[in-house]
Protein backbone atom coordinates (compact mmCIF):
# COMPACT_ATOMS: atom_id res chain seq x y z
CA MET A 1 -130.16 -97.66 57.00
CA ALA A 2 -129.33 -97.74 53.28
CA ASP A 3 -131.79 -98.97 50.67
CA LYS A 4 -130.76 -102.39 49.45
CA ALA A 5 -129.35 -101.89 45.99
CA ARG A 6 -130.10 -104.40 43.26
CA ILE A 7 -129.79 -104.90 39.55
CA GLU A 8 -132.79 -106.16 37.62
CA ARG A 9 -132.74 -107.76 34.17
CA ARG A 10 -135.09 -106.04 31.72
CA GLY A 11 -134.27 -107.98 28.60
CA GLU A 12 -131.29 -109.28 26.68
CA GLY A 13 -128.36 -107.11 27.75
CA ALA A 14 -130.65 -104.57 29.46
CA PHE A 15 -130.68 -103.91 33.20
CA VAL A 16 -132.03 -101.38 35.70
CA LEU A 17 -129.98 -100.45 38.75
CA CYS A 18 -132.16 -99.69 41.80
CA GLY A 19 -131.66 -98.32 45.29
CA GLU A 20 -128.81 -96.55 47.01
CA LEU A 21 -125.25 -96.93 45.72
CA SER A 22 -122.89 -96.53 48.64
CA PHE A 23 -119.88 -98.10 50.29
CA ALA A 24 -122.36 -100.37 52.11
CA THR A 25 -124.22 -101.61 49.00
CA VAL A 26 -121.69 -101.60 46.15
CA PRO A 27 -119.69 -104.72 47.18
CA ALA A 28 -122.78 -106.92 46.80
CA LEU A 29 -123.52 -105.36 43.41
CA LEU A 30 -119.96 -106.08 42.28
CA ARG A 31 -120.44 -109.75 43.15
CA GLU A 32 -123.95 -109.87 41.68
CA GLY A 33 -122.97 -108.09 38.48
CA GLY A 34 -119.98 -110.29 37.73
CA ASN A 35 -121.72 -112.06 34.86
CA LEU A 36 -123.53 -109.13 33.22
CA PHE A 37 -121.21 -109.18 30.24
CA ASP A 38 -121.01 -112.90 29.49
CA GLY A 39 -121.94 -113.44 25.86
CA GLN A 40 -122.96 -109.80 25.32
CA THR A 41 -121.62 -107.24 22.84
CA GLN A 42 -123.49 -104.39 24.51
CA VAL A 43 -124.98 -104.06 27.97
CA THR A 44 -127.24 -101.15 28.88
CA VAL A 45 -127.72 -100.21 32.51
CA ASP A 46 -130.47 -97.71 33.34
CA LEU A 47 -129.88 -95.77 36.54
CA LYS A 48 -133.34 -94.18 36.70
CA ASP A 49 -134.19 -95.98 39.95
CA VAL A 50 -130.99 -95.07 41.82
CA THR A 51 -132.11 -93.13 44.89
CA ARG A 52 -128.69 -91.85 45.99
CA SER A 53 -125.05 -92.42 45.19
CA ASP A 54 -121.65 -91.55 46.54
CA SER A 55 -118.24 -92.12 44.98
CA ALA A 56 -118.61 -95.88 45.53
CA GLY A 57 -121.45 -95.89 42.98
CA LEU A 58 -119.23 -94.23 40.43
CA ALA A 59 -116.44 -96.70 41.22
CA LEU A 60 -118.93 -99.50 40.50
CA LEU A 61 -119.65 -98.06 37.04
CA VAL A 62 -115.94 -97.71 36.31
CA GLU A 63 -115.35 -101.33 37.33
CA TRP A 64 -118.25 -102.54 35.20
CA THR A 65 -116.82 -100.55 32.28
CA ARG A 66 -113.49 -102.34 32.77
CA GLN A 67 -115.20 -105.74 32.99
CA ALA A 68 -117.21 -105.02 29.84
CA ARG A 69 -114.02 -104.23 27.92
CA GLU A 70 -112.42 -107.44 29.19
CA HIS A 71 -115.40 -109.35 27.74
CA GLY A 72 -115.29 -107.44 24.44
CA ALA A 73 -118.56 -105.68 25.27
CA THR A 74 -119.67 -102.07 25.56
CA LEU A 75 -121.40 -100.73 28.67
CA VAL A 76 -123.95 -97.97 28.03
CA LEU A 77 -125.25 -96.05 31.04
CA ARG A 78 -128.64 -94.33 30.85
CA ASN A 79 -130.24 -91.79 33.18
CA ILE A 80 -127.20 -91.22 35.36
CA THR A 81 -128.15 -89.17 38.41
CA PRO A 82 -127.07 -85.51 38.46
CA GLN A 83 -125.03 -86.27 41.58
CA MET A 84 -123.10 -89.08 39.86
CA LEU A 85 -122.65 -87.01 36.70
CA ALA A 86 -121.17 -84.13 38.70
CA ILE A 87 -118.68 -86.47 40.43
CA ALA A 88 -117.78 -88.05 37.07
CA GLN A 89 -117.20 -84.65 35.45
CA VAL A 90 -115.10 -83.28 38.33
CA SER A 91 -112.94 -86.42 38.37
CA GLY A 92 -112.65 -86.70 34.58
CA LEU A 93 -114.35 -90.10 34.60
CA ASP A 94 -117.07 -88.88 32.23
CA ARG A 95 -114.51 -89.34 29.44
CA ILE A 96 -114.20 -93.09 30.03
CA LEU A 97 -117.80 -93.92 30.91
CA SER A 98 -120.34 -94.35 28.09
CA LEU A 99 -123.00 -91.98 29.39
CA ASN A 100 -126.28 -91.69 27.59
CA GLU A 101 -128.42 -88.96 29.10
CA HIS A 102 -131.77 -90.54 28.03
């Protein structure tokens, strides 16, 4: 059974993504994260507590990047997992995601 994924607020425009990002958990995160960008110019999401991810997790980050742009905000991603980074690099998505290694 997959870890329940969740996003936790850590301050104004700062969030931590936790748990397993998979086809089973990402739909709920898409619904839950729908208002992350309201009234923000920059949103930072730290992925340090992501335990595992498949391509659905990367699709979530791409969708959040699109939503941020629609709201006139920037999405900064911190501590992306090596697994997600490898998928992003192979697919060329690393060029559209704002990845911050630290």
